[in-house]
C-alpha atoms as a PDB file:
ATOM      1  CA  MET A   1      80.271  54.423 176.431  1.00  0.00           C
ATOM      2  CA  SER A   2      83.132  56.362 177.644  1.00  0.00           C
ATOM      3  CA  HIS A   3      83.184  60.108 177.808  1.00  0.00           C
ATOM      4  CA  GLU A   4      86.175  60.075 175.419  1.00  0.00           C
ATOM      5  CA  SER A   5      84.393  58.177 172.698  1.00  0.00           C
ATOM      6  CA  HIS A   6      81.369  60.399 172.927  1.00  0.00           C
ATOM      7  CA  ASP A   7      83.527  63.432 172.471  1.00  0.00           C
ATOM      8  CA  ARG A   8      85.332  61.782 169.445  1.00  0.00           C
ATOM      9  CA  ARG A   9      81.991  61.151 167.717  1.00  0.00           C
ATOM     10  CA  THR A  10      80.818  64.631 168.486  1.00  0.00           C
ATOM     11  CA  ARG A  11      83.902  66.073 166.860  1.00  0.00           C
ATOM     12  CA  ILE A  12      83.610  63.874 163.841  1.00  0.00           C
ATOM     13  CA  GLU A  13      79.871  64.934 163.438  1.00  0.00           C
ATOM     14  CA  GLN A  14      80.823  68.570 163.803  1.00  0.00           C
ATOM     15  CA  MET A  15      83.512  68.093 161.098  1.00  0.00           C
ATOM     16  CA  ARG A  16      81.049  66.430 158.737  1.00  0.00           C
ATOM     17  CA  ASN A  17      78.525  69.246 159.331  1.00  0.00           C
ATOM     18  CA  ALA A  18      81.229  71.746 158.621  1.00  0.00           C
ATOM     19  CA  ASP A  19      82.192  69.876 155.451  1.00  0.00           C
ATOM     20  CA  ARG A  20      78.498  69.822 154.323  1.00  0.00           C
ATOM     21  CA  THR A  21      78.168  73.473 155.102  1.00  0.00           C
ATOM     22  CA  ARG A  22      81.362  74.270 153.097  1.00  0.00           C
ATOM     23  CA  ASP A  23      80.121  72.157 150.233  1.00  0.00           C
ATOM     24  CA  ARG A  24      76.731  73.913 150.134  1.00  0.00           C
ATOM     25  CA  ARG A  25      78.502  77.377 150.260  1.00  0.00           C
ATOM     26  CA  ASN A  26      80.892  76.357 147.447  1.00  0.00           C
ATOM     27  CA  ARG A  27      77.984  75.205 145.282  1.00  0.00           C
ATOM     28  CA  VAL A  28      76.194  78.535 145.824  1.00  0.00           C
ATOM     29  CA  VAL A  29      79.322  80.420 144.862  1.00  0.00           C
ATOM     30  CA  ALA A  30      79.869  78.317 141.818  1.00  0.00           C
ATOM     31  CA  ILE A  31      76.262  78.758 140.761  1.00  0.00           C
ATOM     32  CA  SER A  32      76.520  82.430 141.357  1.00  0.00           C
ATOM     33  CA  VAL A  33      79.674  82.831 139.308  1.00  0.00           C
ATOM     34  CA  GLY A  34      78.215  80.628 136.560  1.00  0.00           C
ATOM     35  CA  ALA A  35      75.265  82.824 136.384  1.00  0.00           C
ATOM     36  CA  VAL A  36      77.395  85.922 136.182  1.00  0.00           C
ATOM     37  CA  VAL A  37      79.521  84.403 133.385  1.00  0.00           C
ATOM     38  CA  VAL A  38      76.413  83.347 131.364  1.00  0.00           C
ATOM     39  CA  ALA A  39      74.879  86.768 131.775  1.00  0.00           C
ATOM     40  CA  GLY A  40      78.151  88.306 130.548  1.00  0.00           C
ATOM     41  CA  LEU A  41      78.283  86.118 127.494  1.00  0.00           C
ATOM     42  CA  VAL A  42      74.690  86.812 126.669  1.00  0.00           C
ATOM     43  CA  ALA A  43      75.364  90.530 126.999  1.00  0.00           C
ATOM     44  CA  PHE A  44      78.510  90.283 124.931  1.00  0.00           C
ATOM     45  CA  GLY A  45      76.724  88.310 122.238  1.00  0.00           C
ATOM     46  CA  SER A  46      73.962  90.791 122.127  1.00  0.00           C
ATOM     47  CA  TYR A  47      76.387  93.679 121.779  1.00  0.00           C
ATOM     48  CA  THR A  48      78.292  91.870 118.979  1.00  0.00           C
ATOM     49  CA  LEU A  49      75.106  91.123 117.025  1.00  0.00           C
ATOM     50  CA  LEU A  50      74.030  94.685 117.527  1.00  0.00           C
ATOM     51  CA  ASP A  51      77.358  96.069 116.344  1.00  0.00           C
ATOM     52  CA  ARG A  52      77.345  93.913 113.274  1.00  0.00           C
ATOM     53  CA  SER A  53      73.848  94.860 112.435  1.00  0.00           C
ATOM     54  CA  GLU A  54      74.715  98.553 112.796  1.00  0.00           C
ATOM     55  CA  ALA A  55      77.925  98.001 110.565  1.00  0.00           C
ATOM     56  CA  SER A  56      75.869  96.285 108.028  1.00  0.00           C
ATOM     57  CA  ALA A  57      73.304  99.070 107.980  1.00  0.00           C
ATOM     58  CA  ASP A  58      76.059 101.600 107.644  1.00  0.00           C
ATOM     59  CA  GLN A  59      77.597  99.649 104.696  1.00  0.00           C
ATOM     60  CA  LYS A  60      74.193  99.517 102.944  1.00  0.00           C
ATOM     61  CA  SER A  61      73.689 103.173 103.551  1.00  0.00           C
ATOM     62  CA  SER A  62      77.161 103.960 102.065  1.00  0.00           C
ATOM     63  CA  ASP A  63      76.492 101.723  99.017  1.00  0.00           C
ATOM     64  CA  ALA A  64      73.195 103.415  98.382  1.00  0.00           C
ATOM     65  CA  LYS A  65      74.798 106.837  98.521  1.00  0.00           C
ATOM     66  CA  ALA A  66      77.574 105.730  96.134  1.00  0.00           C
ATOM     67  CA  SER A  67      74.988 104.312  93.675  1.00  0.00           C
ATOM     68  CA  GLU A  68      73.314 107.804  93.716  1.00  0.00           C
ATOM     69  CA  GLN A  69      76.491 109.602  92.610  1.00  0.00           C
ATOM     70  CA  PRO A  70      76.654 110.794  89.009  1.00  0.00           C
ATOM     71  CA  GLY A  71      78.605 108.433  86.779  1.00  0.00           C
ATOM     72  CA  ALA A  72      78.554 105.549  89.357  1.00  0.00           C
ATOM     73  CA  GLU A  73      76.333 103.380  87.310  1.00  0.00           C
ATOM     74  CA  GLY A  74      77.743 101.576  84.271  1.00  0.00           C
ATOM     75  CA  LYS A  75      81.381 101.732  85.126  1.00  0.00           C
ATOM     76  CA  ASP A  76      83.635  98.868  84.394  1.00  0.00           C
ATOM     77  CA  ALA A  77      85.484  96.904  87.071  1.00  0.00           C
ATOM     78  CA  GLY A  78      88.539  99.214  86.903  1.00  0.00           C
ATOM     79  CA  GLY A  79      86.086 102.323  87.191  1.00  0.00           C
ATOM     80  CA  ASP A  80      87.933 103.839  84.102  1.00  0.00           C
ATOM     81  CA  ALA A  81      85.074 103.648  81.403  1.00  0.00           C
ATOM     82  CA  ILE A  82      84.258 106.985  79.743  1.00  0.00           C
ATOM     83  CA  GLU A  83      80.625 107.818  79.851  1.00  0.00           C
ATOM     84  CA  GLY A  84      78.953 106.735  76.702  1.00  0.00           C
ATOM     85  CA  GLU A  85      81.793 104.908  75.027  1.00  0.00           C
ATOM     86  CA  LYS A  86      81.239 101.671  73.125  1.00  0.00           C
ATOM     87  CA  THR A  87      83.631  98.833  73.297  1.00  0.00           C
ATOM     88  CA  TRP A  88      84.163  95.884  71.063  1.00  0.00           C
ATOM     89  CA  ASP A  89      85.795  92.636  72.028  1.00  0.00           C
ATOM     90  CA  ALA A  90      89.523  92.946  71.008  1.00  0.00           C
ATOM     91  CA  LYS A  91      89.687  89.101  70.508  1.00  0.00           C
ATOM     92  CA  LYS A  92      87.049  89.341  67.790  1.00  0.00           C
ATOM     93  CA  LEU A  93      88.655  92.246  65.941  1.00  0.00           C
ATOM     94  CA  THR A  94      90.793  90.447  63.392  1.00  0.00           C
ATOM     95  CA  ARG A  95      94.102  92.077  62.302  1.00  0.00           C
ATOM     96  CA  ASN A  96      94.963  90.530  59.015  1.00  0.00           C
ATOM     97  CA  HIS A  97      96.598  92.576  56.230  1.00  0.00           C
ATOM     98  CA  VAL A  98      94.326  92.340  53.152  1.00  0.00           C
ATOM     99  CA  THR A  99      94.113  94.109  49.766  1.00  0.00           C
ATOM    100  CA  LYS A 100      90.475  93.166  48.963  1.00  0.00           C
ATOM    101  CA  PRO A 101      87.681  95.629  50.257  1.00  0.00           C
ATOM    102  CA  VAL A 102      86.533  94.991  53.820  1.00  0.00           C
ATOM    103  CA  THR A 103      82.970  95.675  55.011  1.00  0.00           C
ATOM    104  CA  TYR A 104      83.063  96.771  58.570  1.00  0.00           C
ATOM    105  CA  PRO A 105      80.113  96.414  60.957  1.00  0.00           C
ATOM    106  CA  MET A 106      80.472  99.800  62.503  1.00  0.00           C
ATOM    107  CA  LYS A 107      81.039 103.332  61.115  1.00  0.00           C
ATOM    108  CA  PRO A 108      83.651 104.507  61.400  1.00  0.00           C
ATOM    109  CA  PRO A 109      85.395 101.152  61.899  1.00  0.00           C
ATOM    110  CA  VAL A 110      87.374 100.477  65.119  1.00  0.00           C
ATOM    111  CA  GLY A 111      89.257  97.447  64.077  1.00  0.00           C
ATOM    112  CA  GLY A 112      89.276  94.426  61.823  1.00  0.00           C
ATOM    113  CA  ASP A 113      91.300  93.329  58.820  1.00  0.00           C
ATOM    114  CA  HIS A 114      92.928  96.262  57.191  1.00  0.00           C
ATOM    115  CA  ASP A 115      95.253  97.591  54.357  1.00  0.00           C
ATOM    116  CA  PRO A 116      98.949  96.725  54.717  1.00  0.00           C
ATOM    117  CA  VAL A 117      99.638 100.505  54.699  1.00  0.00           C
ATOM    118  CA  TRP A 118      98.664 102.625  57.553  1.00  0.00           C
ATOM    119  CA  MET A 119      97.199 106.124  57.306  1.00  0.00           C
ATOM    120  CA  ASN A 120      99.766 108.753  58.564  1.00  0.00           C
ATOM    121  CA  CYS A 121      98.553 109.720  61.999  1.00  0.00           C
ATOM    122  CA  ASP A 122     101.226 111.976  63.323  1.00  0.00           C
ATOM    123  CA  GLY A 123      98.691 114.656  64.097  1.00  0.00           C
ATOM    124  CA  GLU A 124      97.367 114.705  60.632  1.00  0.00           C
ATOM    125  CA  VAL A 125      94.212 116.712  59.762  1.00  0.00           C
ATOM    126  CA  TYR A 126      92.587 115.557  56.539  1.00  0.00           C
ATOM    127  CA  LYS A 127      90.295 117.860  54.727  1.00  0.00           C
ATOM    128  CA  LYS A 128      88.724 114.987  52.743  1.00  0.00           C
ATOM    129  CA  PRO A 129      87.502 111.454  53.637  1.00  0.00           C
ATOM    130  CA  ILE A 130      90.191 108.837  53.925  1.00  0.00           C
ATOM    131  CA  PRO A 131      89.986 105.152  53.226  1.00  0.00           C
ATOM    132  CA  ASP A 132      88.612 103.046  56.121  1.00  0.00           C
ATOM    133  CA  MET A 133      91.154 100.241  55.659  1.00  0.00           C
ATOM    134  CA  ASN A 134      94.132 102.553  56.067  1.00  0.00           C
ATOM    135  CA  ALA A 135      92.593 104.328  58.979  1.00  0.00           C
ATOM    136  CA  VAL A 136      92.003 101.107  60.820  1.00  0.00           C
ATOM    137  CA  HIS A 137      95.645 100.260  60.420  1.00  0.00           C
ATOM    138  CA  ALA A 138      96.462 103.538  62.085  1.00  0.00           C
ATOM    139  CA  LEU A 139      94.287 102.624  64.948  1.00  0.00           C
ATOM    140  CA  GLU A 140      96.153  99.378  65.351  1.00  0.00           C
ATOM    141  CA  HIS A 141      99.247 101.515  65.946  1.00  0.00           C
ATOM    142  CA  GLY A 142      97.591 103.315  68.786  1.00  0.00           C
ATOM    143  CA  SER A 143      96.103 106.386  67.251  1.00  0.00           C
ATOM    144  CA  VAL A 144      92.819 108.191  67.891  1.00  0.00           C
ATOM    145  CA  TRP A 145      90.739 109.034  64.901  1.00  0.00           C
ATOM    146  CA  VAL A 146      88.405 112.091  65.005  1.00  0.00           C
ATOM    147  CA  THR A 147      85.633 112.169  62.518  1.00  0.00           C
ATOM    148  CA  TYR A 148      82.752 114.517  61.905  1.00  0.00           C
ATOM    149  CA  THR A 149      79.827 115.152  59.505  1.00  0.00           C
ATOM    150  CA  ASP A 150      78.898 118.345  57.693  1.00  0.00           C
ATOM    151  CA  LYS A 151      76.552 119.091  60.598  1.00  0.00           C
ATOM    152  CA  ALA A 152      79.487 119.799  62.918  1.00  0.00           C
ATOM    153  CA  PRO A 153      79.824 123.402  63.834  1.00  0.00           C
ATOM    154  CA  ALA A 154      82.815 125.067  62.101  1.00  0.00           C
ATOM    155  CA  ALA A 155      84.118 126.287  65.576  1.00  0.00           C
ATOM    156  CA  ASP A 156      84.156 122.717  66.839  1.00  0.00           C
ATOM    157  CA  VAL A 157      85.954 121.463  63.735  1.00  0.00           C
ATOM    158  CA  ALA A 158      88.617 124.124  64.095  1.00  0.00           C
ATOM    159  CA  ALA A 159      89.066 123.366  67.812  1.00  0.00           C
ATOM    160  CA  LEU A 160      89.380 119.677  67.247  1.00  0.00           C
ATOM    161  CA  ALA A 161      91.723 120.182  64.361  1.00  0.00           C
ATOM    162  CA  ASP A 162      93.966 122.237  66.586  1.00  0.00           C
ATOM    163  CA  ARG A 163      94.042 119.500  69.212  1.00  0.00           C
ATOM    164  CA  VAL A 164      94.850 116.802  66.665  1.00  0.00           C
ATOM    165  CA  SER A 165      97.582 118.824  64.981  1.00  0.00           C
ATOM    166  CA  LYS A 166      99.386 119.013  68.262  1.00  0.00           C
ATOM    167  CA  THR A 167      98.918 115.341  69.168  1.00  0.00           C
ATOM    168  CA  PRO A 168     101.116 112.609  67.760  1.00  0.00           C
ATOM    169  CA  TYR A 169      99.226 109.383  67.029  1.00  0.00           C
ATOM    170  CA  SER A 170      95.966 111.103  66.026  1.00  0.00           C
ATOM    171  CA  LEU A 171      94.278 111.888  62.811  1.00  0.00           C
ATOM    172  CA  MET A 172      91.112 113.626  61.788  1.00  0.00           C
ATOM    173  CA  SER A 173      88.803 113.518  58.764  1.00  0.00           C
ATOM    174  CA  PRO A 174      85.194 114.046  57.586  1.00  0.00           C
ATOM    175  CA  TYR A 175      83.033 111.000  57.660  1.00  0.00           C
ATOM    176  CA  LYS A 176      79.699 111.203  55.822  1.00  0.00           C
ATOM    177  CA  ASP A 177      77.750 108.199  57.012  1.00  0.00           C
ATOM    178  CA  GLN A 178      78.563 108.030  60.728  1.00  0.00           C
ATOM    179  CA  ALA A 179      75.664 108.150  63.332  1.00  0.00           C
ATOM    180  CA  GLY A 180      77.014 111.051  65.461  1.00  0.00           C
ATOM    181  CA  THR A 181      77.964 114.495  64.423  1.00  0.00           C
ATOM    182  CA  ILE A 182      81.382 114.243  66.059  1.00  0.00           C
ATOM    183  CA  MET A 183      82.889 110.881  66.914  1.00  0.00           C
ATOM    184  CA  LEU A 184      86.144 109.618  68.343  1.00  0.00           C
ATOM    185  CA  SER A 185      87.510 106.145  67.560  1.00  0.00           C
ATOM    186  CA  ALA A 186      90.386 103.964  68.822  1.00  0.00           C
ATOM    187  CA  TRP A 187      91.093 100.308  68.393  1.00  0.00           C
ATOM    188  CA  GLY A 188      87.884  98.568  69.890  1.00  0.00           C
ATOM    189  CA  LYS A 189      86.574 101.946  71.338  1.00  0.00           C
ATOM    190  CA  GLN A 190      84.206 104.612  70.130  1.00  0.00           C
ATOM    191  CA  LEU A 191      82.564 107.660  71.548  1.00  0.00           C
ATOM    192  CA  THR A 192      80.131 110.267  70.347  1.00  0.00           C
ATOM    193  CA  VAL A 193      80.700 113.687  71.774  1.00  0.00           C
ATOM    194  CA  ASP A 194      78.557 116.801  72.075  1.00  0.00           C
ATOM    195  CA  GLY A 195      81.325 119.152  70.757  1.00  0.00           C
ATOM    196  CA  ALA A 196      84.881 120.115  71.020  1.00  0.00           C
ATOM    197  CA  GLY A 197      84.413 121.410  74.477  1.00  0.00           C
ATOM    198  CA  ASP A 198      82.965 118.144  75.734  1.00  0.00           C
ATOM    199  CA  PRO A 199      85.273 117.072  78.627  1.00  0.00           C
ATOM    200  CA  ARG A 200      85.178 113.453  77.342  1.00  0.00           C
ATOM    201  CA  VAL A 201      87.185 114.519  74.296  1.00  0.00           C
ATOM    202  CA  ALA A 202      90.268 115.133  76.514  1.00  0.00           C
ATOM    203  CA  GLN A 203      89.540 111.910  78.433  1.00  0.00           C
ATOM    204  CA  PHE A 204      89.416 109.843  75.340  1.00  0.00           C
ATOM    205  CA  PHE A 205      92.654 111.235  73.966  1.00  0.00           C
ATOM    206  CA  SER A 206      94.382 110.895  77.376  1.00  0.00           C
ATOM    207  CA  LYS A 207      93.249 107.240  77.644  1.00  0.00           C
ATOM    208  CA  TYR A 208      93.549 105.908  74.081  1.00  0.00           C
ATOM    209  CA  VAL A 209      96.426 107.801  72.348  1.00  0.00           C
ATOM    210  CA  GLN A 210      98.977 104.894  72.545  1.00  0.00           C
ATOM    211  CA  GLY A 211      96.590 103.530  75.335  1.00  0.00           C
ATOM    212  CA  PRO A 212      96.261  99.961  76.710  1.00  0.00           C
ATOM    213  CA  GLN A 213      93.963  98.913  73.848  1.00  0.00           C
ATOM    214  CA  THR A 214      96.846  99.387  71.347  1.00  0.00           C
ATOM    215  CA  PRO A 215      97.696  96.113  69.537  1.00  0.00           C
ATOM    216  CA  GLU A 216     101.072  97.519  68.219  1.00  0.00           C
ATOM    217  CA  PRO A 217     102.262 100.194  70.596  1.00  0.00           C
ATOM    218  CA  GLY A 218     105.098 102.318  69.256  1.00  0.00           C
ATOM    219  CA  ALA A 219     104.546 101.337  65.650  1.00  0.00           C
ATOM    220  CA  ALA A 220     105.079 104.029  63.070  1.00  0.00           C
ATOM    221  CA  CYS A 221     102.596 106.820  62.363  1.00  0.00           C
ATOM    222  CA  THR A 222     104.560 108.336  59.564  1.00  0.00           C
ATOM    223  CA  GLY A 223     105.790 106.821  56.290  1.00  0.00           C
ATOM    224  CA  GLY A 224     102.424 105.427  55.418  1.00  0.00           C
ATOM    225  CA  ARG A 225      99.652 106.854  53.348  1.00  0.00           C
ATOM    226  CA  GLY A 226      98.990 110.509  53.246  1.00  0.00           C
ATOM    227  CA  ALA A 227      96.459 112.935  51.725  1.00  0.00           C
ATOM    228  CA  GLU A 228      95.703 112.614  47.949  1.00  0.00           C
END
């Protein structure tokens, strides 16, 4: 074997050894980098899960606090329900004009078939009871009807009469057989209040005088039936 051939094989072997060494080094580097990447992904995932868990806990805490706020329970979807008010399905409150007597399921009535002539409701304060069927027609036009029994304090009656007299599309009258001492009615809506100073009185007037519940908004509140 010549000296030149031996040198060539030696160089080839050295090159192979160098290649194997480089391959091992590359594998070590790749494994190390992969381990770092995996560790980073694990850490990021853990942080994300922790962050979401904390956010969920914060949301549950906020919801719990909101549910503890006065008036939070029992509101409708729009958050506009007045505390204690009763609501009837407008689709079930018929609106036919009839002349025969109607028996209403609630007192005072908040809707249903009614007399062809409405009760005047341009801030009218009636000293005597008025016919249900005419009053219901006034509710159809978007008025609020204030009623009271003989148990209502004179001061409350006077204060409510003052409010009604200054409010178009409202009327007031005594009502003997109602459940509450002072009640407010609109089409499909009714509320019993504690007195003239109850803040819900103003809320009811603001919401339901010509409010969204009105079947015939803008219809006349004069030219109908008046006091007899």
